[in-house]
């Protein structure tokens, strides 16, 4: 299954090992979910994971990003289409 994972889900899943965001991180780790990201999204992940307020160890944040890149799918651009999505 492919998915664009919101930055808040990544941060929340790493901060709190319980709940839906943590399950998304687990699904990525287990190979159930393949994250899809652009260069812009990766840059946002990196920015957030290195913010002091979250207290992530810089080496742990860098390792997580490297692991994410190795299992994910990088594409040039991600278009978000909301018009026809059911709410």
Protein backbone atom coordinates (compact mmCIF):
# COMPACT_ATOMS: atom_id res chain seq x y z
CA UNK A 1 0.00 0.00 0.00
CA UNK A 2 1.35 3.42 -0.97
CA UNK A 3 0.67 6.54 1.11
CA UNK A 4 1.82 10.11 1.51
CA UNK A 5 2.35 10.40 5.27
CA UNK A 6 1.67 13.77 6.85
CA UNK A 7 4.53 15.27 8.84
CA UNK A 8 2.33 15.45 11.95
CA UNK A 9 1.76 11.70 11.73
CA UNK A 10 5.52 11.07 11.54
CA UNK A 11 6.28 13.33 14.52
CA UNK A 12 3.35 12.09 16.62
CA UNK A 13 4.15 8.47 15.86
CA UNK A 14 7.74 8.91 17.01
CA UNK A 15 6.83 10.90 20.13
CA UNK A 16 4.03 8.62 21.33
CA UNK A 17 4.40 4.88 20.80
CA UNK A 18 0.63 4.38 21.26
CA UNK A 19 -2.13 5.41 18.91
CA UNK A 20 -2.79 5.56 15.20
CA UNK A 21 0.33 7.57 14.21
CA UNK A 22 2.56 4.99 15.88
CA UNK A 23 0.72 2.24 14.02
CA UNK A 24 1.46 4.03 10.74
CA UNK A 25 5.18 4.11 11.65
CA UNK A 26 4.94 0.41 12.52
CA UNK A 27 3.29 -0.37 9.19
CA UNK A 28 6.16 1.37 7.41
CA UNK A 29 8.71 -0.57 9.46
CA UNK A 30 6.93 -3.87 8.68
CA UNK A 31 6.77 -3.12 4.95
CA UNK A 32 2.97 -3.00 4.91
CA UNK A 33 2.93 0.67 3.98
CA UNK A 34 5.31 2.29 1.50
CA UNK A 35 5.70 6.02 2.12
CA UNK A 36 5.64 8.20 -0.98
CA UNK A 37 7.36 11.56 -0.77
CA UNK A 38 8.79 14.39 -2.80
CA UNK A 39 11.98 16.31 -2.08
CA UNK A 40 9.81 19.01 -0.48
CA UNK A 41 8.13 16.55 1.88
CA UNK A 42 11.48 15.01 2.85
CA UNK A 43 12.82 18.49 3.62
CA UNK A 44 9.79 19.14 5.82
CA UNK A 45 10.26 15.83 7.66
CA UNK A 46 13.91 16.71 8.25
CA UNK A 47 13.07 20.22 9.46
CA UNK A 48 10.51 18.97 11.97
CA UNK A 49 12.55 16.03 13.24
CA UNK A 50 15.50 18.33 13.97
CA UNK A 51 13.48 20.97 15.85
CA UNK A 52 14.69 21.34 19.43
CA UNK A 53 11.16 21.40 20.88
CA UNK A 54 10.62 17.74 19.96
CA UNK A 55 13.84 16.58 21.67
CA UNK A 56 14.72 13.98 19.05
CA UNK A 57 18.34 12.90 19.18
CA UNK A 58 19.87 14.30 15.94
CA UNK A 59 21.49 10.97 15.07
CA UNK A 60 18.19 9.12 15.66
CA UNK A 61 16.29 11.60 13.50
CA UNK A 62 18.87 11.24 10.72
CA UNK A 63 18.74 7.43 10.94
CA UNK A 64 14.94 7.45 10.80
CA UNK A 65 15.04 9.65 7.68
CA UNK A 66 17.66 7.43 6.04
CA UNK A 67 15.55 4.35 6.80
CA UNK A 68 12.43 6.07 5.48
CA UNK A 69 14.21 6.97 2.24
CA UNK A 70 15.43 3.41 1.82
CA UNK A 71 11.94 1.88 2.06
CA UNK A 72 9.96 4.71 0.52
CA UNK A 73 9.29 5.94 -2.97
CA UNK A 74 10.55 9.38 -3.91
CA UNK A 75 8.75 11.13 -6.73
CA UNK A 76 9.21 14.52 -8.32
CA UNK A 77 5.91 16.11 -7.34
CA UNK A 78 2.82 15.17 -5.36
CA UNK A 79 -0.50 16.69 -6.38
CA UNK A 80 -3.25 16.77 -3.81
CA UNK A 81 -6.75 16.54 -5.21
CA UNK A 82 -9.49 17.12 -2.70
CA UNK A 83 -12.50 17.98 -4.91
CA UNK A 84 -13.81 14.44 -5.39
CA UNK A 85 -12.79 12.94 -2.07
CA UNK A 86 -15.63 11.81 0.19
CA UNK A 87 -15.64 13.34 3.64
